[in-house]
C-alpha cells in the first residue's frame, strides 16, 4: 500500500500542493521526512520548473543572445 501513498504524494506535488500539506496527508512525522522521500521530483515538475525559468530569463537574456545563422537561412528560404 506504500505505492498508493507515494503515487498520491507525487500527484499532489505535480498539482503544486505545498509540501507541508502533503506531509500531513500522508502522515509523516516531519517535513524533512516528506522532503527526503519526494526530493527526486517527477519529470513533469522538472519541466514546469524549467519552463518557469525560461519565461523569466529569456526576455532578460535576449539582448545578449547571438544571432542564429540557421534562423536567417530558414527565413530566406521561407521568403522564396
Protein backbone atom coordinates (compact mmCIF):
# COMPACT_ATOMS: atom_id res chain seq x y z
CA UNK A 1 0.00 0.00 0.00
CA UNK A 2 3.00 2.31 0.27
CA UNK A 3 2.95 2.70 -3.51
CA UNK A 4 -0.52 4.30 -3.27
CA UNK A 5 0.73 6.81 -0.73
CA UNK A 6 3.77 7.53 -2.89
CA UNK A 7 1.61 7.96 -6.00
CA UNK A 8 -0.79 10.23 -4.10
CA UNK A 9 2.03 12.40 -2.76
CA UNK A 10 3.70 12.66 -6.19
CA UNK A 11 0.43 13.66 -7.85
CA UNK A 12 -0.16 16.28 -5.17
CA UNK A 13 3.33 17.71 -5.77
CA UNK A 14 2.59 17.89 -9.50
CA UNK A 15 -0.54 19.91 -8.68
CA UNK A 16 1.59 22.41 -6.71
CA UNK A 17 0.22 21.37 -3.32
CA UNK A 18 2.54 22.66 -0.61
CA UNK A 19 4.89 20.08 0.91
CA UNK A 20 3.61 20.66 4.47
CA UNK A 21 0.08 19.81 3.35
CA UNK A 22 1.33 16.61 1.72
CA UNK A 23 3.27 15.78 4.88
CA UNK A 24 0.09 15.97 6.94
CA UNK A 25 -1.96 13.98 4.41
CA UNK A 26 0.49 11.09 4.20
CA UNK A 27 1.21 11.08 7.94
CA UNK A 28 4.92 11.79 8.02
CA UNK A 29 6.31 12.86 11.38
CA UNK A 30 8.17 15.84 9.93
CA UNK A 31 8.51 17.87 6.75
CA UNK A 32 12.07 16.58 6.45
CA UNK A 33 10.85 13.01 6.00
CA UNK A 34 8.49 14.11 3.22
CA UNK A 35 11.18 16.22 1.57
CA UNK A 36 13.76 13.43 1.72
CA UNK A 37 11.37 10.91 0.15
CA UNK A 38 10.00 13.14 -2.61
CA UNK A 39 13.07 15.23 -3.41
CA UNK A 40 13.60 13.24 -6.62
CA UNK A 41 10.67 15.09 -8.25
CA UNK A 42 8.86 13.93 -11.34
CA UNK A 43 9.74 14.84 -14.92
CA UNK A 44 6.60 16.98 -15.09
CA UNK A 45 7.69 19.06 -12.08
CA UNK A 46 11.17 19.47 -13.55
CA UNK A 47 9.71 20.51 -16.92
CA UNK A 48 7.43 23.03 -15.23
CA UNK A 49 10.34 24.49 -13.28
CA UNK A 50 12.44 24.73 -16.45
CA UNK A 51 9.64 26.46 -18.36
CA UNK A 52 9.15 28.92 -15.50
CA UNK A 53 12.84 29.82 -15.52
CA UNK A 54 12.80 30.17 -19.32
CA UNK A 55 9.87 32.57 -19.16
CA UNK A 56 11.67 34.70 -16.56
CA UNK A 57 15.16 34.64 -18.07
CA UNK A 58 14.51 34.65 -21.83
CA UNK A 59 13.34 38.29 -22.04
CA UNK A 60 16.25 39.43 -19.89
CA UNK A 61 18.85 37.49 -21.87
CA UNK A 62 17.52 38.27 -25.36
CA UNK A 63 19.66 41.41 -25.81
CA UNK A 64 22.77 39.30 -25.20
CA UNK A 65 21.85 36.39 -27.48
CA UNK A 66 23.95 35.75 -30.55
CA UNK A 67 22.05 35.55 -33.84
CA UNK A 68 21.31 32.01 -35.01
CA UNK A 69 22.78 31.61 -38.52
CA UNK A 70 20.36 28.76 -39.24
CA UNK A 71 17.40 31.03 -38.50
CA UNK A 72 18.37 33.54 -41.19
CA UNK A 73 18.77 30.74 -43.72
CA UNK A 74 15.30 29.46 -42.85
CA UNK A 75 13.81 32.97 -43.20
CA UNK A 76 15.34 33.49 -46.64
CA UNK A 77 14.07 30.07 -47.72
CA UNK A 78 10.57 30.91 -46.46
CA UNK A 79 10.56 34.23 -48.36
CA UNK A 80 11.05 32.46 -51.70
